[in-house]
Amino acid sequence: MASSSGTPGKKQLTHERIVDTAARAIRRAGFNGVGVADIMKEAGLTHGGFYAHFESRDALVCEALDRAGRDSAERLAKSASQRRARGVGAFQAFVERYLSDAHLAALESGCPVAALASEIPRQSREVSLAAAQRVRGLVAAVREVLPSGTPPEAAGAVAAQLVGALQLARALGDNAEGKALLAATRRSLIAQHEAPPSR
């Protein structure tokens, strides 16, 4: 909780550290790849302190998903904004950042949807609902950058292509083959959806 001066107190800072650690860990190792003890150890804390911050592992995972989604979206938006400042269209900038070589390599700091989508149906209802919100957030972000006049349902189709391409590229590896798959998908999506520059 925040102190009287408005700065975060020790408990709040510890809570944030646990959530940040979990947000990285679940993207790196999957929902079932890390336990509470692993997360607490990685955060430099004892396992016993966990329940002072969270009711359950699922409660932590839900909060970590939210943090991962917000952090990833912020990085994506910042990078896309830099591209737009150089005259690149909004959709192209978004696609180029999402399907970038850097995102291919950034498993633990990248989009949680791409990192975890195949595991979502096997999670508890609480975690599945939180993960579904991340999927909706990605679709909404795509909808915002699609050129005007694009049918609304195209956002979901594009989001599926983005996530699928990133997952397949990661399956191939952070290598020439994986990067070539990303490049081909970038070109295809941009050719299909990017509005031509106005004259």
C-alpha atoms as a PDB file:
ATOM      1  CA  MET A   1       0.000   0.000   0.000  1.00  0.00           C
ATOM      2  CA  ALA A   2       1.081   3.580  -0.572  1.00  0.00           C
ATOM      3  CA  SER A   3       2.620   5.474   2.307  1.00  0.00           C
ATOM      4  CA  SER A   4       1.260   8.798   3.544  1.00  0.00           C
ATOM      5  CA  SER A   5       3.727  10.541   1.211  1.00  0.00           C
ATOM      6  CA  GLY A   6       2.080   8.866  -1.784  1.00  0.00           C
ATOM      7  CA  THR A   7       5.053   6.641  -2.545  1.00  0.00           C
ATOM      8  CA  PRO A   8       4.558   2.883  -2.591  1.00  0.00           C
ATOM      9  CA  GLY A   9       5.164   1.167   0.731  1.00  0.00           C
ATOM     10  CA  LYS A  10       7.381  -1.884   1.218  1.00  0.00           C
ATOM     11  CA  LYS A  11       4.476  -4.331   0.917  1.00  0.00           C
ATOM     12  CA  GLN A  12       3.300  -2.742  -2.343  1.00  0.00           C
ATOM     13  CA  LEU A  13       6.815  -2.771  -3.787  1.00  0.00           C
ATOM     14  CA  THR A  14       7.179  -6.443  -2.864  1.00  0.00           C
ATOM     15  CA  HIS A  15       3.788  -7.200  -4.414  1.00  0.00           C
ATOM     16  CA  GLU A  16       4.833  -5.455  -7.642  1.00  0.00           C
ATOM     17  CA  ARG A  17       8.098  -7.393  -7.722  1.00  0.00           C
ATOM     18  CA  ILE A  18       6.238 -10.707  -7.416  1.00  0.00           C
ATOM     19  CA  VAL A  19       3.799  -9.755 -10.193  1.00  0.00           C
ATOM     20  CA  ASP A  20       6.605  -8.571 -12.495  1.00  0.00           C
ATOM     21  CA  THR A  21       8.523 -11.787 -11.909  1.00  0.00           C
ATOM     22  CA  ALA A  22       5.441 -13.920 -12.536  1.00  0.00           C
ATOM     23  CA  ALA A  23       4.583 -11.986 -15.707  1.00  0.00           C
ATOM     24  CA  ARG A  24       7.993 -12.852 -17.146  1.00  0.00           C
ATOM     25  CA  ALA A  25       8.036 -16.405 -15.821  1.00  0.00           C
ATOM     26  CA  ILE A  26       4.689 -17.515 -17.236  1.00  0.00           C
ATOM     27  CA  ARG A  27       5.572 -16.190 -20.688  1.00  0.00           C
ATOM     28  CA  ARG A  28       8.939 -17.903 -20.564  1.00  0.00           C
ATOM     29  CA  ALA A  29       7.868 -21.275 -19.130  1.00  0.00           C
ATOM     30  CA  GLY A  30       4.089 -21.421 -19.612  1.00  0.00           C
ATOM     31  CA  PHE A  31       1.299 -21.509 -17.066  1.00  0.00           C
ATOM     32  CA  ASN A  32       2.348 -24.859 -15.666  1.00  0.00           C
ATOM     33  CA  GLY A  33       6.077 -24.397 -16.129  1.00  0.00           C
ATOM     34  CA  VAL A  34       6.576 -22.476 -12.897  1.00  0.00           C
ATOM     35  CA  GLY A  35       5.147 -22.775  -9.422  1.00  0.00           C
ATOM     36  CA  VAL A  36       4.737 -20.328  -6.599  1.00  0.00           C
ATOM     37  CA  ALA A  37       8.036 -21.413  -5.043  1.00  0.00           C
ATOM     38  CA  ASP A  38       9.869 -20.791  -8.340  1.00  0.00           C
ATOM     39  CA  ILE A  39       8.375 -17.326  -8.731  1.00  0.00           C
ATOM     40  CA  MET A  40       9.109 -16.319  -5.136  1.00  0.00           C
ATOM     41  CA  LYS A  41      12.685 -17.575  -5.411  1.00  0.00           C
ATOM     42  CA  GLU A  42      13.222 -15.698  -8.681  1.00  0.00           C
ATOM     43  CA  ALA A  43      11.830 -12.567  -6.994  1.00  0.00           C
ATOM     44  CA  GLY A  44      14.343 -13.049  -4.157  1.00  0.00           C
ATOM     45  CA  LEU A  45      11.637 -13.800  -1.586  1.00  0.00           C
ATOM     46  CA  THR A  46      10.655 -16.732   0.605  1.00  0.00           C
ATOM     47  CA  HIS A  47       7.812 -19.041  -0.371  1.00  0.00           C
ATOM     48  CA  GLY A  48       6.106 -18.400   2.964  1.00  0.00           C
ATOM     49  CA  GLY A  49       5.479 -14.752   2.147  1.00  0.00           C
ATOM     50  CA  PHE A  50       3.310 -15.513  -0.864  1.00  0.00           C
ATOM     51  CA  TYR A  51      -0.052 -15.641   0.917  1.00  0.00           C
ATOM     52  CA  ALA A  52       0.485 -12.216   2.451  1.00  0.00           C
ATOM     53  CA  HIS A  53       0.019 -10.919  -1.109  1.00  0.00           C
ATOM     54  CA  PHE A  54      -2.278 -13.337  -2.959  1.00  0.00           C
ATOM     55  CA  GLU A  55      -5.186 -15.613  -2.083  1.00  0.00           C
ATOM     56  CA  SER A  56      -4.037 -18.287  -4.513  1.00  0.00           C
ATOM     57  CA  ARG A  57      -1.680 -19.107  -7.359  1.00  0.00           C
ATOM     58  CA  ASP A  58      -4.504 -18.390  -9.817  1.00  0.00           C
ATOM     59  CA  ALA A  59      -4.953 -14.915  -8.329  1.00  0.00           C
ATOM     60  CA  LEU A  60      -1.261 -14.212  -8.971  1.00  0.00           C
ATOM     61  CA  VAL A  61      -1.436 -15.621 -12.506  1.00  0.00           C
ATOM     62  CA  CYS A  62      -4.444 -13.428 -13.340  1.00  0.00           C
ATOM     63  CA  GLU A  63      -2.645 -10.333 -12.095  1.00  0.00           C
ATOM     64  CA  ALA A  64       0.525 -11.368 -13.922  1.00  0.00           C
ATOM     65  CA  LEU A  65      -1.433 -11.795 -17.166  1.00  0.00           C
ATOM     66  CA  ASP A  66      -2.819  -8.297 -16.808  1.00  0.00           C
ATOM     67  CA  ARG A  67       0.653  -6.894 -16.149  1.00  0.00           C
ATOM     68  CA  ALA A  68       2.156  -8.820 -19.068  1.00  0.00           C
ATOM     69  CA  GLY A  69      -0.566  -7.550 -21.398  1.00  0.00           C
ATOM     70  CA  ARG A  70      -0.186  -3.929 -20.338  1.00  0.00           C
ATOM     71  CA  ASP A  71       3.617  -3.995 -20.491  1.00  0.00           C
ATOM     72  CA  SER A  72       3.645  -5.672 -23.898  1.00  0.00           C
ATOM     73  CA  ALA A  73       1.026  -3.260 -25.266  1.00  0.00           C
ATOM     74  CA  GLU A  74       3.009  -0.268 -24.024  1.00  0.00           C
ATOM     75  CA  ARG A  75       6.220  -1.487 -25.681  1.00  0.00           C
ATOM     76  CA  LEU A  76       4.342  -2.254 -28.890  1.00  0.00           C
ATOM     77  CA  ALA A  77       2.663   1.167 -28.916  1.00  0.00           C
ATOM     78  CA  LYS A  78       5.942   3.000 -28.243  1.00  0.00           C
ATOM     79  CA  SER A  79       7.763   1.201 -31.039  1.00  0.00           C
ATOM     80  CA  ALA A  80       4.854   1.647 -33.465  1.00  0.00           C
ATOM     81  CA  SER A  81       4.692   5.343 -32.582  1.00  0.00           C
ATOM     82  CA  GLN A  82       8.366   5.746 -33.460  1.00  0.00           C
ATOM     83  CA  ARG A  83       7.710   4.132 -36.852  1.00  0.00           C
ATOM     84  CA  ARG A  84       4.672   6.368 -37.468  1.00  0.00           C
ATOM     85  CA  ALA A  85       6.839   9.404 -36.721  1.00  0.00           C
ATOM     86  CA  ARG A  86       8.964   8.305 -39.684  1.00  0.00           C
ATOM     87  CA  GLY A  87       5.908   8.293 -41.955  1.00  0.00           C
ATOM     88  CA  VAL A  88       4.906   4.637 -41.680  1.00  0.00           C
ATOM     89  CA  GLY A  89       1.164   3.956 -41.599  1.00  0.00           C
ATOM     90  CA  ALA A  90      -0.410   2.895 -38.293  1.00  0.00           C
ATOM     91  CA  PHE A  91      -1.271  -0.631 -39.419  1.00  0.00           C
ATOM     92  CA  GLN A  92       2.110  -1.232 -41.025  1.00  0.00           C
ATOM     93  CA  ALA A  93       3.889   0.086 -37.933  1.00  0.00           C
ATOM     94  CA  PHE A  94       1.883  -2.239 -35.691  1.00  0.00           C
ATOM     95  CA  VAL A  95       2.484  -5.305 -37.862  1.00  0.00           C
ATOM     96  CA  GLU A  96       6.191  -4.561 -38.284  1.00  0.00           C
ATOM     97  CA  ARG A  97       6.638  -4.304 -34.527  1.00  0.00           C
ATOM     98  CA  TYR A  98       4.542  -7.341 -33.621  1.00  0.00           C
ATOM     99  CA  LEU A  99       6.198  -9.535 -36.254  1.00  0.00           C
ATOM    100  CA  SER A 100       9.691  -8.179 -35.648  1.00  0.00           C
ATOM    101  CA  ASP A 101      12.853 -10.195 -35.092  1.00  0.00           C
ATOM    102  CA  ALA A 102      13.085  -8.529 -31.656  1.00  0.00           C
ATOM    103  CA  HIS A 103       9.625  -9.845 -30.672  1.00  0.00           C
ATOM    104  CA  LEU A 104      10.582 -13.288 -31.936  1.00  0.00           C
ATOM    105  CA  ALA A 105      13.444 -13.352 -29.442  1.00  0.00           C
ATOM    106  CA  ALA A 106      11.581 -11.668 -26.568  1.00  0.00           C
ATOM    107  CA  LEU A 107       9.522 -14.569 -25.256  1.00  0.00           C
ATOM    108  CA  GLU A 108       9.440 -13.483 -21.619  1.00  0.00           C
ATOM    109  CA  SER A 109       8.704  -9.821 -22.341  1.00  0.00           C
ATOM    110  CA  GLY A 110       6.538 -10.170 -25.449  1.00  0.00           C
ATOM    111  CA  CYS A 111       2.841 -10.605 -26.091  1.00  0.00           C
ATOM    112  CA  PRO A 112       1.308 -12.994 -23.538  1.00  0.00           C
ATOM    113  CA  VAL A 113      -1.304 -14.134 -26.067  1.00  0.00           C
ATOM    114  CA  ALA A 114       1.361 -15.483 -28.422  1.00  0.00           C
ATOM    115  CA  ALA A 115       3.299 -16.989 -25.521  1.00  0.00           C
ATOM    116  CA  LEU A 116       0.334 -18.725 -23.885  1.00  0.00           C
ATOM    117  CA  ALA A 117      -2.632 -19.072 -26.269  1.00  0.00           C
ATOM    118  CA  SER A 118      -2.419 -22.830 -26.746  1.00  0.00           C
ATOM    119  CA  GLU A 119      -2.468 -23.384 -22.971  1.00  0.00           C
ATOM    120  CA  ILE A 120      -5.472 -21.193 -22.133  1.00  0.00           C
ATOM    121  CA  PRO A 121      -8.220 -23.817 -22.593  1.00  0.00           C
ATOM    122  CA  ARG A 122      -6.571 -26.086 -20.001  1.00  0.00           C
ATOM    123  CA  GLN A 123      -6.472 -23.494 -17.225  1.00  0.00           C
ATOM    124  CA  SER A 124      -8.907 -22.830 -14.401  1.00  0.00           C
ATOM    125  CA  ARG A 125     -11.963 -20.730 -15.199  1.00  0.00           C
ATOM    126  CA  GLU A 126     -10.451 -17.749 -13.373  1.00  0.00           C
ATOM    127  CA  VAL A 127      -7.230 -17.858 -15.386  1.00  0.00           C
ATOM    128  CA  SER A 128      -9.032 -18.609 -18.667  1.00  0.00           C
ATOM    129  CA  LEU A 129     -11.268 -15.563 -18.222  1.00  0.00           C
ATOM    130  CA  ALA A 130      -8.252 -13.343 -17.512  1.00  0.00           C
ATOM    131  CA  ALA A 131      -6.434 -14.733 -20.544  1.00  0.00           C
ATOM    132  CA  ALA A 132      -9.484 -14.188 -22.751  1.00  0.00           C
ATOM    133  CA  GLN A 133      -9.339 -10.519 -21.771  1.00  0.00           C
ATOM    134  CA  ARG A 134      -5.804 -10.365 -23.132  1.00  0.00           C
ATOM    135  CA  VAL A 135      -7.027 -11.845 -26.433  1.00  0.00           C
ATOM    136  CA  ARG A 136      -9.791  -9.219 -26.595  1.00  0.00           C
ATOM    137  CA  GLY A 137      -7.230  -6.524 -25.856  1.00  0.00           C
ATOM    138  CA  LEU A 138      -5.061  -7.626 -28.761  1.00  0.00           C
ATOM    139  CA  VAL A 139      -8.034  -7.722 -31.146  1.00  0.00           C
ATOM    140  CA  ALA A 140      -9.036  -4.225 -29.993  1.00  0.00           C
ATOM    141  CA  ALA A 141      -5.500  -2.927 -30.571  1.00  0.00           C
ATOM    142  CA  VAL A 142      -5.540  -4.335 -34.104  1.00  0.00           C
ATOM    143  CA  ARG A 143      -8.979  -2.813 -34.737  1.00  0.00           C
ATOM    144  CA  GLU A 144      -7.612   0.620 -33.776  1.00  0.00           C
ATOM    145  CA  VAL A 145      -4.883   0.539 -36.422  1.00  0.00           C
ATOM    146  CA  LEU A 146      -6.767  -1.024 -39.322  1.00  0.00           C
ATOM    147  CA  PRO A 147      -7.583   1.493 -42.065  1.00  0.00           C
ATOM    148  CA  SER A 148     -11.054   3.018 -41.897  1.00  0.00           C
ATOM    149  CA  GLY A 149     -13.605   1.085 -43.871  1.00  0.00           C
ATOM    150  CA  THR A 150     -12.100  -2.272 -42.967  1.00  0.00           C
ATOM    151  CA  PRO A 151     -14.836  -4.693 -41.849  1.00  0.00           C
ATOM    152  CA  PRO A 152     -14.822  -4.962 -38.014  1.00  0.00           C
ATOM    153  CA  GLU A 153     -14.430  -8.750 -38.096  1.00  0.00           C
ATOM    154  CA  ALA A 154     -11.081  -8.355 -39.882  1.00  0.00           C
ATOM    155  CA  ALA A 155      -9.448  -7.378 -36.582  1.00  0.00           C
ATOM    156  CA  GLY A 156      -9.877 -10.865 -35.143  1.00  0.00           C
ATOM    157  CA  ALA A 157      -8.595 -12.490 -38.314  1.00  0.00           C
ATOM    158  CA  VAL A 158      -5.513 -10.257 -38.377  1.00  0.00           C
ATOM    159  CA  ALA A 159      -4.849 -10.840 -34.662  1.00  0.00           C
ATOM    160  CA  ALA A 160      -5.029 -14.594 -35.288  1.00  0.00           C
ATOM    161  CA  GLN A 161      -2.498 -14.274 -38.131  1.00  0.00           C
ATOM    162  CA  LEU A 162      -0.160 -12.200 -35.971  1.00  0.00           C
ATOM    163  CA  VAL A 163      -0.263 -14.636 -33.067  1.00  0.00           C
ATOM    164  CA  GLY A 164      -0.060 -17.713 -35.292  1.00  0.00           C
ATOM    165  CA  ALA A 165       2.878 -16.381 -37.258  1.00  0.00           C
ATOM    166  CA  LEU A 166       4.801 -15.494 -34.107  1.00  0.00           C
ATOM    167  CA  GLN A 167       4.101 -18.908 -32.576  1.00  0.00           C
ATOM    168  CA  LEU A 168       5.180 -20.756 -35.728  1.00  0.00           C
ATOM    169  CA  ALA A 169       8.312 -18.629 -36.079  1.00  0.00           C
ATOM    170  CA  ARG A 170       9.229 -19.389 -32.471  1.00  0.00           C
ATOM    171  CA  ALA A 171       8.649 -23.076 -33.144  1.00  0.00           C
ATOM    172  CA  LEU A 172      11.145 -22.839 -36.007  1.00  0.00           C
ATOM    173  CA  GLY A 173      13.565 -20.880 -33.838  1.00  0.00           C
ATOM    174  CA  ASP A 174      15.192 -17.482 -33.569  1.00  0.00           C
ATOM    175  CA  ASN A 175      17.029 -18.162 -36.819  1.00  0.00           C
ATOM    176  CA  ALA A 176      16.851 -17.440 -40.538  1.00  0.00           C
ATOM    177  CA  GLU A 177      13.904 -19.785 -41.044  1.00  0.00           C
ATOM    178  CA  GLY A 178      11.833 -18.283 -38.245  1.00  0.00           C
ATOM    179  CA  LYS A 179      12.666 -14.744 -39.343  1.00  0.00           C
ATOM    180  CA  ALA A 180      11.762 -15.534 -42.957  1.00  0.00           C
ATOM    181  CA  LEU A 181       8.319 -16.724 -41.855  1.00  0.00           C
ATOM    182  CA  LEU A 182       7.760 -13.473 -39.960  1.00  0.00           C
ATOM    183  CA  ALA A 183       8.913 -11.414 -42.941  1.00  0.00           C
ATOM    184  CA  ALA A 184       6.577 -13.236 -45.321  1.00  0.00           C
ATOM    185  CA  THR A 185       3.616 -12.722 -42.980  1.00  0.00           C
ATOM    186  CA  ARG A 186       4.476  -9.046 -42.540  1.00  0.00           C
ATOM    187  CA  ARG A 187       4.501  -8.513 -46.292  1.00  0.00           C
ATOM    188  CA  SER A 188       1.235 -10.391 -46.772  1.00  0.00           C
ATOM    189  CA  LEU A 189      -0.661  -8.544 -44.047  1.00  0.00           C
ATOM    190  CA  ILE A 190       0.617  -5.116 -45.065  1.00  0.00           C
ATOM    191  CA  ALA A 191      -0.174  -5.725 -48.725  1.00  0.00           C
ATOM    192  CA  GLN A 192      -3.679  -6.852 -47.813  1.00  0.00           C
ATOM    193  CA  HIS A 193      -4.638  -4.215 -45.252  1.00  0.00           C
ATOM    194  CA  GLU A 194      -2.421  -1.139 -45.286  1.00  0.00           C
ATOM    195  CA  ALA A 195      -4.072   1.873 -46.839  1.00  0.00           C
ATOM    196  CA  PRO A 196      -2.047   3.413 -49.687  1.00  0.00           C
ATOM    197  CA  PRO A 197      -0.415   6.726 -48.767  1.00  0.00           C
ATOM    198  CA  SER A 198      -2.593   9.740 -49.496  1.00  0.00           C
ATOM    199  CA  ARG A 199      -1.390  12.037 -52.261  1.00  0.00           C
END
